Amino acid sequence: MRKLLSCVLLGLMSVSVHAETPDRIEPPKLQLQGWQQKSAFELPRLFKIVKTAYWVQDISLWVDVPPGKNDWHMTANVICGALDAMGRPPKSFVALSFVDSTGNKPEFIAKMYCEPKSDVSPTIGQVLKELRG
């Protein structure tokens, strides 16, 4: 039952997002933070599967990948970890859209999310400051 529900939800997501996929991918001109600029440049260099990465909104990162039977949840976890390492703020949310742009029109593959970290662990300096006073 759980698997069936997941398939139905995934199907609904792909239909709604696919309808919004533009004919041509042209990243808009955005005022990106440093970690966002770095990620768009570094993700294709770090991961062989990523052809290009670009921000279409300040919370929406499109990742151009070849189609295939990949584990998109695991791929998203790895990319979210890379974004964290590049300086993604703990409270920021990122929507990852995996697309294949080898044809005339980009094809939507999957959508995943980098959730905000609600309980950020304190640094040792913060702990010592609290203990001292």
N, C-alpha and C. Protein backbone atom coordinates (compact mmCIF):
# COMPACT_ATOMS: atom_id res chain seq x y z
N MET A 1 0.83 -1.19 0.00
CA MET A 1 0.00 0.00 0.00
C MET A 1 0.87 1.26 0.00
N ARG A 2 1.91 1.24 0.83
CA ARG A 2 2.82 2.39 0.93
C ARG A 2 3.52 2.63 -0.41
N LYS A 3 3.94 1.53 -1.05
CA LYS A 3 4.63 1.63 -2.32
C LYS A 3 3.69 2.19 -3.40
N LEU A 4 2.44 1.74 -3.39
CA LEU A 4 1.45 2.23 -4.35
C LEU A 4 1.21 3.72 -4.17
N LEU A 5 1.07 4.14 -2.91
CA LEU A 5 0.85 5.56 -2.62
C LEU A 5 2.05 6.40 -3.08
N SER A 6 3.26 5.88 -2.86
CA SER A 6 4.46 6.60 -3.30
C SER A 6 4.47 6.76 -4.82
N CYS A 7 4.10 5.70 -5.53
CA CYS A 7 4.07 5.75 -7.00
C CYS A 7 3.05 6.76 -7.49
N VAL A 8 1.88 6.77 -6.87
CA VAL A 8 0.84 7.71 -7.26
C VAL A 8 1.30 9.15 -7.02
N LEU A 9 1.87 9.42 -5.83
CA LEU A 9 2.35 10.76 -5.52
C LEU A 9 3.46 11.19 -6.46
N LEU A 10 4.38 10.27 -6.77
CA LEU A 10 5.47 10.59 -7.69
C LEU A 10 4.91 10.90 -9.07
N GLY A 11 3.90 10.14 -9.49
CA GLY A 11 3.26 10.39 -10.78
C GLY A 11 2.60 11.75 -10.83
N LEU A 12 1.92 12.12 -9.76
CA LEU A 12 1.28 13.44 -9.70
C LEU A 12 2.31 14.55 -9.72
N MET A 13 3.42 14.36 -8.99
CA MET A 13 4.47 15.38 -8.97
C MET A 13 5.06 15.55 -10.36
N SER A 14 5.33 14.44 -11.05
CA SER A 14 5.97 14.55 -12.36
C SER A 14 5.05 15.20 -13.37
N VAL A 15 3.75 14.96 -13.27
CA VAL A 15 2.82 15.59 -14.20
C VAL A 15 2.76 17.09 -13.97
N SER A 16 2.66 17.50 -12.72
CA SER A 16 2.53 18.93 -12.44
C SER A 16 3.81 19.68 -12.75
N VAL A 17 4.95 19.10 -12.44
CA VAL A 17 6.21 19.78 -12.70
C VAL A 17 6.55 19.75 -14.18
N HIS A 18 6.25 18.63 -14.84
CA HIS A 18 6.56 18.51 -16.26
C HIS A 18 5.81 19.57 -17.06
N ALA A 19 4.62 19.90 -16.64
CA ALA A 19 3.84 20.91 -17.35
C ALA A 19 4.49 22.28 -17.26
N GLU A 20 5.30 22.51 -16.23
CA GLU A 20 5.95 23.80 -16.05
C GLU A 20 7.34 23.86 -16.65
N THR A 21 7.85 22.77 -17.18
CA THR A 21 9.20 22.74 -17.73
C THR A 21 9.26 23.57 -19.01
N PRO A 22 10.17 24.55 -19.08
CA PRO A 22 10.24 25.42 -20.26
C PRO A 22 10.82 24.69 -21.47
N ASP A 23 10.58 25.26 -22.66
CA ASP A 23 11.12 24.67 -23.89
C ASP A 23 12.64 24.76 -23.93
N ARG A 24 13.16 25.86 -23.44
CA ARG A 24 14.61 26.08 -23.42
C ARG A 24 15.02 26.46 -22.02
N ILE A 25 16.16 25.97 -21.61
CA ILE A 25 16.62 26.30 -20.27
C ILE A 25 17.55 27.50 -20.36
N GLU A 26 17.13 28.59 -19.79
CA GLU A 26 17.96 29.79 -19.68
C GLU A 26 17.89 30.25 -18.25
N PRO A 27 18.96 30.05 -17.49
CA PRO A 27 18.93 30.48 -16.10
C PRO A 27 18.67 31.98 -16.00
N PRO A 28 17.75 32.37 -15.14
CA PRO A 28 17.48 33.80 -14.98
C PRO A 28 18.63 34.50 -14.27
N LYS A 29 18.65 35.79 -14.37
CA LYS A 29 19.68 36.57 -13.68
C LYS A 29 19.20 36.79 -12.24
N LEU A 30 19.86 36.16 -11.31
CA LEU A 30 19.49 36.23 -9.90
C LEU A 30 20.65 36.81 -9.10
N GLN A 31 20.32 37.38 -7.96
CA GLN A 31 21.35 37.80 -7.00
C GLN A 31 21.62 36.60 -6.09
N LEU A 32 22.61 35.80 -6.46
CA LEU A 32 22.91 34.59 -5.72
C LEU A 32 23.92 34.86 -4.61
N GLN A 33 23.78 34.10 -3.53
CA GLN A 33 24.76 34.15 -2.46
C GLN A 33 26.00 33.39 -2.90
N GLY A 34 27.09 33.59 -2.21
CA GLY A 34 28.36 32.96 -2.58
C GLY A 34 28.29 31.45 -2.69
N TRP A 35 27.63 30.80 -1.72
CA TRP A 35 27.53 29.33 -1.76
C TRP A 35 26.71 28.86 -2.96
N GLN A 36 25.74 29.67 -3.39
CA GLN A 36 24.93 29.31 -4.55
C GLN A 36 25.75 29.43 -5.84
N GLN A 37 26.52 30.50 -5.95
CA GLN A 37 27.39 30.67 -7.11
C GLN A 37 28.40 29.53 -7.18
N LYS A 38 28.99 29.23 -6.03
CA LYS A 38 29.99 28.17 -5.97
C LYS A 38 29.39 26.83 -6.36
N SER A 39 28.18 26.54 -5.87
CA SER A 39 27.56 25.25 -6.16
C SER A 39 27.25 25.08 -7.64
N ALA A 40 26.77 26.14 -8.29
CA ALA A 40 26.47 26.04 -9.72
C ALA A 40 27.74 25.74 -10.52
N PHE A 41 28.85 26.26 -10.07
CA PHE A 41 30.13 26.03 -10.75
C PHE A 41 30.74 24.67 -10.38
N GLU A 42 30.69 24.32 -9.09
CA GLU A 42 31.41 23.15 -8.59
C GLU A 42 30.69 21.81 -8.77
N LEU A 43 29.36 21.79 -8.70
CA LEU A 43 28.65 20.51 -8.78
C LEU A 43 29.00 19.70 -10.04
N PRO A 44 29.03 20.32 -11.24
CA PRO A 44 29.42 19.54 -12.42
C PRO A 44 30.88 19.06 -12.36
N ARG A 45 31.72 19.80 -11.68
CA ARG A 45 33.12 19.40 -11.55
C ARG A 45 33.29 18.27 -10.55
N LEU A 46 32.46 18.25 -9.50
CA LEU A 46 32.57 17.25 -8.45
C LEU A 46 31.90 15.93 -8.79
N PHE A 47 30.80 15.99 -9.52
CA PHE A 47 30.00 14.79 -9.78
C PHE A 47 29.87 14.55 -11.28
N LYS A 48 30.34 13.40 -11.71
CA LYS A 48 30.34 13.05 -13.13
C LYS A 48 28.91 13.03 -13.71
N ILE A 49 27.93 12.69 -12.89
CA ILE A 49 26.55 12.59 -13.36
C ILE A 49 25.94 13.97 -13.66
N VAL A 50 26.47 15.04 -13.06
CA VAL A 50 25.90 16.38 -13.23
C VAL A 50 26.53 17.07 -14.45
N LYS A 51 25.68 17.34 -15.46
CA LYS A 51 26.17 18.05 -16.65
C LYS A 51 26.30 19.54 -16.35
N THR A 52 25.22 20.12 -15.84
CA THR A 52 25.22 21.52 -15.42
C THR A 52 24.29 21.65 -14.21
N ALA A 53 24.48 22.72 -13.47
CA ALA A 53 23.61 23.04 -12.34
C ALA A 53 23.37 24.54 -12.38
N TYR A 54 22.13 24.94 -12.20
CA TYR A 54 21.82 26.37 -12.25
C TYR A 54 20.61 26.67 -11.39
N TRP A 55 20.63 27.86 -10.84
CA TRP A 55 19.55 28.33 -9.97
C TRP A 55 18.50 29.02 -10.82
N VAL A 56 17.24 28.60 -10.71
CA VAL A 56 16.15 29.25 -11.43
C VAL A 56 15.36 30.17 -10.50
N GLN A 57 15.49 29.95 -9.21
CA GLN A 57 14.97 30.82 -8.16
C GLN A 57 15.96 30.71 -7.01
N ASP A 58 15.84 31.58 -6.03
CA ASP A 58 16.82 31.54 -4.94
C ASP A 58 16.73 30.26 -4.10
N ILE A 59 15.64 29.50 -4.23
CA ILE A 59 15.54 28.22 -3.50
C ILE A 59 15.45 27.02 -4.44
N SER A 60 15.55 27.24 -5.74
CA SER A 60 15.34 26.17 -6.72
C SER A 60 16.57 25.95 -7.59
N LEU A 61 17.20 24.81 -7.39
CA LEU A 61 18.41 24.44 -8.13
C LEU A 61 18.04 23.33 -9.12
N TRP A 62 18.26 23.60 -10.41
CA TRP A 62 18.03 22.58 -11.43
C TRP A 62 19.35 21.92 -11.74
N VAL A 63 19.34 20.60 -11.75
CA VAL A 63 20.53 19.79 -11.97
C VAL A 63 20.30 18.98 -13.24
N ASP A 64 21.08 19.28 -14.27
CA ASP A 64 20.96 18.60 -15.56
C ASP A 64 21.77 17.31 -15.49
N VAL A 65 21.08 16.18 -15.63
CA VAL A 65 21.69 14.86 -15.52
C VAL A 65 21.20 13.98 -16.66
N PRO A 66 21.95 12.94 -17.01
CA PRO A 66 21.44 12.01 -18.02
C PRO A 66 20.32 11.16 -17.43
N PRO A 67 19.38 10.73 -18.27
CA PRO A 67 18.32 9.87 -17.76
C PRO A 67 18.91 8.52 -17.37
N GLY A 68 18.26 7.85 -16.47
CA GLY A 68 18.75 6.54 -16.06
C GLY A 68 18.05 6.08 -14.82
N LYS A 69 18.41 4.90 -14.42
CA LYS A 69 17.80 4.32 -13.22
C LYS A 69 18.69 4.60 -12.03
N ASN A 70 18.70 5.85 -11.63
CA ASN A 70 19.50 6.27 -10.49
C ASN A 70 18.63 6.32 -9.25
N ASP A 71 19.27 6.23 -8.12
CA ASP A 71 18.57 6.42 -6.85
C ASP A 71 18.60 7.91 -6.57
N TRP A 72 17.52 8.60 -6.94
CA TRP A 72 17.50 10.05 -6.86
C TRP A 72 17.48 10.54 -5.41
N HIS A 73 16.97 9.72 -4.49
CA HIS A 73 17.02 10.10 -3.08
C HIS A 73 18.47 10.15 -2.61
N MET A 74 19.24 9.14 -2.96
CA MET A 74 20.65 9.12 -2.55
C MET A 74 21.42 10.23 -3.26
N THR A 75 21.15 10.44 -4.55
CA THR A 75 21.81 11.50 -5.29
C THR A 75 21.52 12.86 -4.64
N ALA A 76 20.26 13.07 -4.26
CA ALA A 76 19.89 14.33 -3.61
C ALA A 76 20.59 14.48 -2.26
N ASN A 77 20.69 13.40 -1.49
CA ASN A 77 21.39 13.48 -0.20
C ASN A 77 22.84 13.88 -0.38
N VAL A 78 23.48 13.33 -1.41
CA VAL A 78 24.88 13.66 -1.68
C VAL A 78 25.00 15.12 -2.10
N ILE A 79 24.11 15.58 -2.98
CA ILE A 79 24.15 16.97 -3.43
C ILE A 79 23.84 17.92 -2.28
N CYS A 80 22.86 17.57 -1.43
CA CYS A 80 22.56 18.41 -0.27
C CYS A 80 23.77 18.51 0.66
N GLY A 81 24.47 17.40 0.84
CA GLY A 81 25.69 17.42 1.64
C GLY A 81 26.75 18.31 1.03
N ALA A 82 26.87 18.26 -0.29
CA ALA A 82 27.83 19.13 -0.99
C ALA A 82 27.44 20.60 -0.82
N LEU A 83 26.14 20.90 -0.92
CA LEU A 83 25.68 22.28 -0.72
C LEU A 83 26.00 22.74 0.70
N ASP A 84 25.81 21.86 1.68
CA ASP A 84 26.16 22.19 3.06
C ASP A 84 27.65 22.51 3.18
N ALA A 85 28.48 21.69 2.53
CA ALA A 85 29.93 21.91 2.58
C ALA A 85 30.33 23.20 1.88
N MET A 86 29.52 23.65 0.92
CA MET A 86 29.81 24.88 0.19
C MET A 86 29.26 26.11 0.90
N GLY A 87 28.61 25.90 2.05
CA GLY A 87 28.18 27.03 2.85
C GLY A 87 26.68 27.27 2.91
N ARG A 88 25.86 26.29 2.51
CA ARG A 88 24.41 26.48 2.61
C ARG A 88 24.04 26.76 4.05
N PRO A 89 23.33 27.87 4.30
CA PRO A 89 22.92 28.18 5.67
C PRO A 89 22.03 27.08 6.25
N PRO A 90 22.18 26.77 7.53
CA PRO A 90 21.42 25.66 8.14
C PRO A 90 19.90 25.79 8.01
N LYS A 91 19.39 27.00 7.98
CA LYS A 91 17.94 27.18 7.94
C LYS A 91 17.39 27.35 6.51
N SER A 92 18.25 27.20 5.50
CA SER A 92 17.78 27.39 4.13
C SER A 92 17.20 26.10 3.55
N PHE A 93 16.21 26.26 2.70
CA PHE A 93 15.53 25.17 2.01
C PHE A 93 15.92 25.23 0.54
N VAL A 94 16.20 24.07 -0.07
CA VAL A 94 16.54 24.03 -1.49
C VAL A 94 15.71 22.93 -2.15
N ALA A 95 15.05 23.29 -3.24
CA ALA A 95 14.33 22.32 -4.07
C ALA A 95 15.26 21.92 -5.22
N LEU A 96 15.57 20.64 -5.31
CA LEU A 96 16.41 20.13 -6.39
C LEU A 96 15.52 19.53 -7.46
N SER A 97 15.65 20.02 -8.68
CA SER A 97 14.93 19.44 -9.82
C SER A 97 15.95 18.78 -10.73
N PHE A 98 15.82 17.47 -10.89
CA PHE A 98 16.70 16.75 -11.80
C PHE A 98 16.03 16.73 -13.17
N VAL A 99 16.73 17.24 -14.19
CA VAL A 99 16.20 17.32 -15.54
C VAL A 99 17.22 16.76 -16.53
N ASP A 100 16.72 16.30 -17.66
CA ASP A 100 17.56 15.84 -18.76
C ASP A 100 17.29 16.78 -19.93
N SER A 101 18.32 17.49 -20.37
CA SER A 101 18.14 18.46 -21.46
C SER A 101 18.82 18.02 -22.74
N THR A 102 18.95 16.71 -22.96
CA THR A 102 19.60 16.24 -24.19
C THR A 102 18.72 16.40 -25.42
N GLY A 103 17.40 16.40 -25.24
CA GLY A 103 16.48 16.55 -26.37
C GLY A 103 16.17 18.00 -26.66
N ASN A 104 15.14 18.23 -27.46
CA ASN A 104 14.72 19.59 -27.80
C ASN A 104 14.12 20.31 -26.61
N LYS A 105 13.46 19.57 -25.74
CA LYS A 105 12.82 20.16 -24.58
C LYS A 105 13.29 19.41 -23.34
N PRO A 106 13.65 20.13 -22.27
CA PRO A 106 14.10 19.45 -21.05
C PRO A 106 13.02 18.51 -20.51
N GLU A 107 13.44 17.35 -20.08
CA GLU A 107 12.53 16.37 -19.50
C GLU A 107 12.74 16.31 -18.00
N PHE A 108 11.67 16.44 -17.27
CA PHE A 108 11.72 16.35 -15.81
C PHE A 108 11.98 14.90 -15.42
N ILE A 109 12.90 14.68 -14.48
CA ILE A 109 13.21 13.33 -14.00
C ILE A 109 12.70 13.14 -12.58
N ALA A 110 13.09 14.02 -11.68
CA ALA A 110 12.70 13.87 -10.27
C ALA A 110 12.86 15.20 -9.55
N LYS A 111 12.16 15.33 -8.44
CA LYS A 111 12.28 16.52 -7.59
C LYS A 111 12.53 16.05 -6.16
N MET A 112 13.55 16.59 -5.55
CA MET A 112 13.93 16.25 -4.17
C MET A 112 14.19 17.55 -3.43
N TYR A 113 14.40 17.44 -2.14
CA TYR A 113 14.56 18.64 -1.31
C TYR A 113 15.72 18.52 -0.34
N CYS A 114 16.40 19.64 -0.12
CA CYS A 114 17.36 19.78 0.97
C CYS A 114 16.62 20.56 2.05
N GLU A 115 16.25 19.88 3.09
CA GLU A 115 15.46 20.49 4.16
C GLU A 115 16.34 21.37 5.05
N PRO A 116 15.74 22.38 5.66
CA PRO A 116 16.49 23.18 6.64
C PRO A 116 16.85 22.32 7.84
N LYS A 117 17.92 22.66 8.46
CA LYS A 117 18.32 21.94 9.67
C LYS A 117 17.76 22.69 10.86
N SER A 118 16.75 22.11 11.48
CA SER A 118 16.05 22.82 12.56
C SER A 118 16.84 22.82 13.86
N ASP A 119 17.55 21.76 14.13
CA ASP A 119 18.29 21.70 15.38
C ASP A 119 19.79 21.65 15.10
N VAL A 120 20.32 22.81 14.82
CA VAL A 120 21.74 22.92 14.52
C VAL A 120 22.53 22.70 15.80
N SER A 121 23.46 21.79 15.75
CA SER A 121 24.27 21.51 16.93
C SER A 121 25.17 22.70 17.25
N PRO A 122 25.28 23.03 18.51
CA PRO A 122 26.14 24.16 18.87
C PRO A 122 27.62 23.81 18.69
N THR A 123 28.41 24.84 18.44
CA THR A 123 29.85 24.63 18.34
C THR A 123 30.42 24.50 19.75
N ILE A 124 31.63 24.02 19.85
CA ILE A 124 32.28 23.87 21.17
C ILE A 124 32.42 25.24 21.84
N GLY A 125 32.65 26.29 21.03
CA GLY A 125 32.76 27.63 21.57
C GLY A 125 31.45 28.10 22.19
N GLN A 126 30.34 27.79 21.55
CA GLN A 126 29.03 28.16 22.09
C GLN A 126 28.73 27.42 23.39
N VAL A 127 29.11 26.15 23.43
CA VAL A 127 28.89 25.36 24.65
C VAL A 127 29.70 25.92 25.81
N LEU A 128 30.97 26.22 25.53
CA LEU A 128 31.84 26.76 26.60
C LEU A 128 31.33 28.11 27.07
N LYS A 129 30.86 28.94 26.16
CA LYS A 129 30.31 30.25 26.53
C LYS A 129 29.10 30.09 27.44
N GLU A 130 28.21 29.14 27.11
CA GLU A 130 27.03 28.87 27.95
C GLU A 130 27.44 28.39 29.33
N LEU A 131 28.45 27.52 29.39
CA LEU A 131 28.89 26.97 30.68
C LEU A 131 29.52 28.04 31.56
N ARG A 132 30.19 28.99 30.93
CA ARG A 132 30.89 30.03 31.68
C ARG A 132 29.94 31.13 32.14
N GLY A 133 28.87 31.24 31.50
CA GLY A 133 28.06 32.24 32.07
C GLY A 133 27.03 32.97 31.49
